[in-house]
């Protein structure tokens, strides 16, 4: 399966989880989609991929100074830890953030 098909599949799973009221599963799927996306981005750049973990890949992305500002803020949002109540800050939408990350890193899909 091509990276963009895997990416879209994870987004579809995230959207379905949110529709069922399972925001935790939506977060997991959004982060997996981010992992697929960042891996594809790194492969295009010839940058070494050192982990299969989406969080590790996002953290690797964050150390690259040259990434677009919108990609940086999306990656920061996607790596944000939930509170003890399993919540993210009010108004933070990881599905919107993953779409912004995709548009910033690989706009041609």
Foldseek 3Di string as FASTA:
>chain_A
DDLVVLLVVLLVQLVVCVVVVNNVSNLVSLLLSQLSLLVVLCVVVVHDDDDSGSLVSLVVVLVDPPFDPLLNVLSVLSNDAADPVRHDPPPDDNSVSSVSNCCRRPVVD
